Amino acid sequence: MNFRSARKGRRRVEATLELTPLIDVIFLLLIFFVMTTAPQSSPLERIGVDLPEAASGATLDEAEAERVVLRVSATGAVFEERDDGERVAVDAPLSFLQQVHSERPAATVWLFGDEEAAHGAVIRLLDAAREVGFKKVHMAVRPAE
């Protein structure tokens, strides 16, 4: 068997890979992921309540090690906002705050009350945090424009 004689008349075909369509697809995927990904923000910015405006107030210390973030929705429901962004409903705020205080007595409590929430609901939560024994209780506000 002579295999060489059969190959003499054929040309060798080189396989090529076109990079232009591949680059186009990669750029389209990159644009898709950039446009659909929400910008990363701190957990305190993702709470989603319409804070009341105030001319005075201090900025939030992101380096604060222990903090408890509670939010009061417009309907008066109380939620705990965790560091991973998860919201957990708090049915009994006083017992919840007692449990947190027993675990982390030096924690700072941040209260985010929606502008449409009843004033009494926010004040009851503030009073419960102080009654339990938290030393640092802050009310979150939106800076005045």
C-alpha atoms as a PDB file:
ATOM      1  CA  MET A   1       0.000   0.000   0.000  1.00  0.00           C
ATOM      2  CA  ASN A   2       1.347   3.308  -1.005  1.00  0.00           C
ATOM      3  CA  PHE A   3      -0.350   6.144   0.849  1.00  0.00           C
ATOM      4  CA  ARG A   4       2.001   8.873  -0.327  1.00  0.00           C
ATOM      5  CA  SER A   5       0.969   8.726  -3.930  1.00  0.00           C
ATOM      6  CA  ALA A   6      -2.648   9.482  -3.038  1.00  0.00           C
ATOM      7  CA  ARG A   7      -1.659  12.656  -1.192  1.00  0.00           C
ATOM      8  CA  LYS A   8       0.502  14.168  -3.942  1.00  0.00           C
ATOM      9  CA  GLY A   9      -2.290  15.817  -5.822  1.00  0.00           C
ATOM     10  CA  ARG A  10      -4.045  17.266  -2.762  1.00  0.00           C
ATOM     11  CA  ARG A  11      -3.245  20.507  -1.113  1.00  0.00           C
ATOM     12  CA  ARG A  12      -2.998  20.752   2.586  1.00  0.00           C
ATOM     13  CA  VAL A  13      -5.883  22.769   4.039  1.00  0.00           C
ATOM     14  CA  GLU A  14      -5.055  24.837   7.091  1.00  0.00           C
ATOM     15  CA  ALA A  15      -7.696  25.271   9.765  1.00  0.00           C
ATOM     16  CA  THR A  16      -8.175  28.870  10.838  1.00  0.00           C
ATOM     17  CA  LEU A  17     -10.197  30.387  13.610  1.00  0.00           C
ATOM     18  CA  GLU A  18     -11.824  33.726  12.947  1.00  0.00           C
ATOM     19  CA  LEU A  19     -11.410  35.911  16.029  1.00  0.00           C
ATOM     20  CA  THR A  20     -13.597  38.835  14.978  1.00  0.00           C
ATOM     21  CA  PRO A  21     -16.976  37.129  15.646  1.00  0.00           C
ATOM     22  CA  LEU A  22     -15.614  35.679  18.889  1.00  0.00           C
ATOM     23  CA  ILE A  23     -14.537  39.124  20.109  1.00  0.00           C
ATOM     24  CA  ASP A  24     -17.928  40.563  19.100  1.00  0.00           C
ATOM     25  CA  VAL A  25     -19.746  37.951  21.160  1.00  0.00           C
ATOM     26  CA  ILE A  26     -17.499  38.529  24.169  1.00  0.00           C
ATOM     27  CA  PHE A  27     -18.115  42.289  24.043  1.00  0.00           C
ATOM     28  CA  LEU A  28     -21.875  41.750  23.761  1.00  0.00           C
ATOM     29  CA  LEU A  29     -21.807  39.492  26.812  1.00  0.00           C
ATOM     30  CA  LEU A  30     -19.733  42.025  28.711  1.00  0.00           C
ATOM     31  CA  ILE A  31     -22.176  44.823  27.875  1.00  0.00           C
ATOM     32  CA  PHE A  32     -25.127  42.619  28.882  1.00  0.00           C
ATOM     33  CA  PHE A  33     -23.640  41.789  32.284  1.00  0.00           C
ATOM     34  CA  VAL A  34     -22.615  45.374  32.993  1.00  0.00           C
ATOM     35  CA  MET A  35     -26.067  46.699  32.136  1.00  0.00           C
ATOM     36  CA  THR A  36     -28.017  44.071  34.105  1.00  0.00           C
ATOM     37  CA  THR A  37     -25.897  44.017  37.237  1.00  0.00           C
ATOM     38  CA  ALA A  38     -27.018  46.377  39.965  1.00  0.00           C
ATOM     39  CA  PRO A  39     -24.274  48.569  41.377  1.00  0.00           C
ATOM     40  CA  GLN A  40     -22.949  47.331  44.678  1.00  0.00           C
ATOM     41  CA  SER A  41     -23.794  49.515  47.606  1.00  0.00           C
ATOM     42  CA  SER A  42     -23.549  49.226  51.311  1.00  0.00           C
ATOM     43  CA  PRO A  43     -26.293  47.274  53.088  1.00  0.00           C
ATOM     44  CA  LEU A  44     -27.546  50.480  54.644  1.00  0.00           C
ATOM     45  CA  GLU A  45     -28.155  52.062  51.242  1.00  0.00           C
ATOM     46  CA  ARG A  46     -30.189  49.080  50.009  1.00  0.00           C
ATOM     47  CA  ILE A  47     -32.857  49.279  52.694  1.00  0.00           C
ATOM     48  CA  GLY A  48     -35.452  50.867  50.467  1.00  0.00           C
ATOM     49  CA  VAL A  49     -37.288  53.308  52.707  1.00  0.00           C
ATOM     50  CA  ASP A  50     -38.001  56.912  51.890  1.00  0.00           C
ATOM     51  CA  LEU A  51     -36.164  58.647  54.717  1.00  0.00           C
ATOM     52  CA  PRO A  52     -37.264  62.047  55.967  1.00  0.00           C
ATOM     53  CA  GLU A  53     -35.034  64.996  55.215  1.00  0.00           C
ATOM     54  CA  ALA A  54     -32.988  66.758  57.921  1.00  0.00           C
ATOM     55  CA  ALA A  55     -30.468  69.588  57.788  1.00  0.00           C
ATOM     56  CA  SER A  56     -28.374  68.250  60.674  1.00  0.00           C
ATOM     57  CA  GLY A  57     -26.977  64.792  61.171  1.00  0.00           C
ATOM     58  CA  ALA A  58     -23.773  62.806  61.159  1.00  0.00           C
ATOM     59  CA  THR A  59     -22.586  60.484  58.449  1.00  0.00           C
ATOM     60  CA  LEU A  60     -22.820  56.747  58.879  1.00  0.00           C
ATOM     61  CA  ASP A  61     -19.627  55.029  60.008  1.00  0.00           C
ATOM     62  CA  GLU A  62     -19.227  52.036  57.666  1.00  0.00           C
ATOM     63  CA  ALA A  63     -16.417  50.651  59.833  1.00  0.00           C
ATOM     64  CA  GLU A  64     -18.799  50.192  62.740  1.00  0.00           C
ATOM     65  CA  ALA A  65     -18.288  46.597  63.811  1.00  0.00           C
ATOM     66  CA  GLU A  66     -21.556  45.779  65.536  1.00  0.00           C
ATOM     67  CA  ARG A  67     -24.760  47.329  64.345  1.00  0.00           C
ATOM     68  CA  VAL A  68     -28.397  46.391  64.275  1.00  0.00           C
ATOM     69  CA  VAL A  69     -30.394  47.936  61.453  1.00  0.00           C
ATOM     70  CA  LEU A  70     -34.157  48.109  61.882  1.00  0.00           C
ATOM     71  CA  ARG A  71     -36.508  49.629  59.377  1.00  0.00           C
ATOM     72  CA  VAL A  72     -40.092  50.730  59.787  1.00  0.00           C
ATOM     73  CA  SER A  73     -42.054  50.564  56.544  1.00  0.00           C
ATOM     74  CA  ALA A  74     -44.809  52.940  55.537  1.00  0.00           C
ATOM     75  CA  THR A  75     -47.350  50.439  56.885  1.00  0.00           C
ATOM     76  CA  GLY A  76     -45.628  50.298  60.295  1.00  0.00           C
ATOM     77  CA  ALA A  77     -44.117  46.831  59.867  1.00  0.00           C
ATOM     78  CA  VAL A  78     -40.664  46.386  61.433  1.00  0.00           C
ATOM     79  CA  PHE A  79     -37.861  44.564  59.600  1.00  0.00           C
ATOM     80  CA  GLU A  80     -34.275  43.758  60.466  1.00  0.00           C
ATOM     81  CA  GLU A  81     -31.843  44.489  57.664  1.00  0.00           C
ATOM     82  CA  ARG A  82     -28.903  42.092  57.831  1.00  0.00           C
ATOM     83  CA  ASP A  83     -25.413  42.708  56.458  1.00  0.00           C
ATOM     84  CA  ASP A  84     -26.024  40.357  53.538  1.00  0.00           C
ATOM     85  CA  GLY A  85     -29.057  42.408  52.464  1.00  0.00           C
ATOM     86  CA  GLU A  86     -31.678  39.971  53.723  1.00  0.00           C
ATOM     87  CA  ARG A  87     -34.764  41.465  55.375  1.00  0.00           C
ATOM     88  CA  VAL A  88     -36.330  39.593  58.252  1.00  0.00           C
ATOM     89  CA  ALA A  89     -39.716  40.567  59.664  1.00  0.00           C
ATOM     90  CA  VAL A  90     -39.700  41.378  63.379  1.00  0.00           C
ATOM     91  CA  ASP A  91     -43.073  40.552  64.925  1.00  0.00           C
ATOM     92  CA  ALA A  92     -42.211  41.439  68.531  1.00  0.00           C
ATOM     93  CA  PRO A  93     -39.598  44.248  68.480  1.00  0.00           C
ATOM     94  CA  LEU A  94     -39.119  44.375  72.261  1.00  0.00           C
ATOM     95  CA  SER A  95     -38.297  40.664  72.619  1.00  0.00           C
ATOM     96  CA  PHE A  96     -36.142  40.821  69.471  1.00  0.00           C
ATOM     97  CA  LEU A  97     -34.149  43.743  70.882  1.00  0.00           C
ATOM     98  CA  GLN A  98     -33.769  41.965  74.246  1.00  0.00           C
ATOM     99  CA  GLN A  99     -32.327  38.927  72.491  1.00  0.00           C
ATOM    100  CA  VAL A 100     -29.929  41.045  70.419  1.00  0.00           C
ATOM    101  CA  HIS A 101     -28.853  43.027  73.488  1.00  0.00           C
ATOM    102  CA  SER A 102     -28.084  39.830  75.397  1.00  0.00           C
ATOM    103  CA  GLU A 103     -25.881  38.647  72.510  1.00  0.00           C
ATOM    104  CA  ARG A 104     -24.285  42.008  71.587  1.00  0.00           C
ATOM    105  CA  PRO A 105     -24.729  44.648  74.276  1.00  0.00           C
ATOM    106  CA  ALA A 106     -22.291  47.098  72.654  1.00  0.00           C
ATOM    107  CA  ALA A 107     -24.054  47.127  69.287  1.00  0.00           C
ATOM    108  CA  THR A 108     -25.321  50.330  67.727  1.00  0.00           C
ATOM    109  CA  VAL A 109     -28.991  50.409  66.705  1.00  0.00           C
ATOM    110  CA  TRP A 110     -29.882  52.228  63.488  1.00  0.00           C
ATOM    111  CA  LEU A 111     -33.548  53.036  62.915  1.00  0.00           C
ATOM    112  CA  PHE A 112     -34.714  53.730  59.380  1.00  0.00           C
ATOM    113  CA  GLY A 113     -38.252  55.031  59.498  1.00  0.00           C
ATOM    114  CA  ASP A 114     -40.096  55.610  56.241  1.00  0.00           C
ATOM    115  CA  GLU A 115     -41.306  59.176  55.774  1.00  0.00           C
ATOM    116  CA  GLU A 116     -44.869  57.852  55.469  1.00  0.00           C
ATOM    117  CA  ALA A 117     -44.625  55.655  58.599  1.00  0.00           C
ATOM    118  CA  ALA A 118     -46.633  56.672  61.633  1.00  0.00           C
ATOM    119  CA  HIS A 119     -44.552  58.723  64.055  1.00  0.00           C
ATOM    120  CA  GLY A 120     -45.733  56.566  66.948  1.00  0.00           C
ATOM    121  CA  ALA A 121     -44.389  53.345  65.393  1.00  0.00           C
ATOM    122  CA  VAL A 122     -40.901  54.788  65.056  1.00  0.00           C
ATOM    123  CA  ILE A 123     -40.949  56.280  68.559  1.00  0.00           C
ATOM    124  CA  ARG A 124     -42.128  52.976  70.082  1.00  0.00           C
ATOM    125  CA  LEU A 125     -39.196  51.229  68.406  1.00  0.00           C
ATOM    126  CA  LEU A 126     -36.783  53.916  69.628  1.00  0.00           C
ATOM    127  CA  ASP A 127     -38.194  53.621  73.139  1.00  0.00           C
ATOM    128  CA  ALA A 128     -37.910  49.811  73.069  1.00  0.00           C
ATOM    129  CA  ALA A 129     -34.234  50.011  72.045  1.00  0.00           C
ATOM    130  CA  ARG A 130     -33.442  52.389  74.877  1.00  0.00           C
ATOM    131  CA  GLU A 131     -35.535  50.427  77.387  1.00  0.00           C
ATOM    132  CA  VAL A 132     -33.611  47.248  76.593  1.00  0.00           C
ATOM    133  CA  GLY A 133     -30.337  49.028  77.360  1.00  0.00           C
ATOM    134  CA  PHE A 134     -28.717  49.990  74.067  1.00  0.00           C
ATOM    135  CA  LYS A 135     -26.450  52.992  74.593  1.00  0.00           C
ATOM    136  CA  LYS A 136     -26.174  54.029  70.946  1.00  0.00           C
ATOM    137  CA  VAL A 137     -29.449  54.421  69.070  1.00  0.00           C
ATOM    138  CA  HIS A 138     -29.441  56.463  65.860  1.00  0.00           C
ATOM    139  CA  MET A 139     -32.269  57.695  63.631  1.00  0.00           C
ATOM    140  CA  ALA A 140     -31.381  57.654  59.936  1.00  0.00           C
ATOM    141  CA  VAL A 141     -32.312  60.700  57.848  1.00  0.00           C
ATOM    142  CA  ARG A 142     -31.740  61.914  54.316  1.00  0.00           C
ATOM    143  CA  PRO A 143     -29.424  64.944  54.039  1.00  0.00           C
ATOM    144  CA  ALA A 144     -31.162  68.195  53.092  1.00  0.00           C
ATOM    145  CA  GLU A 145     -30.643  69.288  49.516  1.00  0.00           C
END
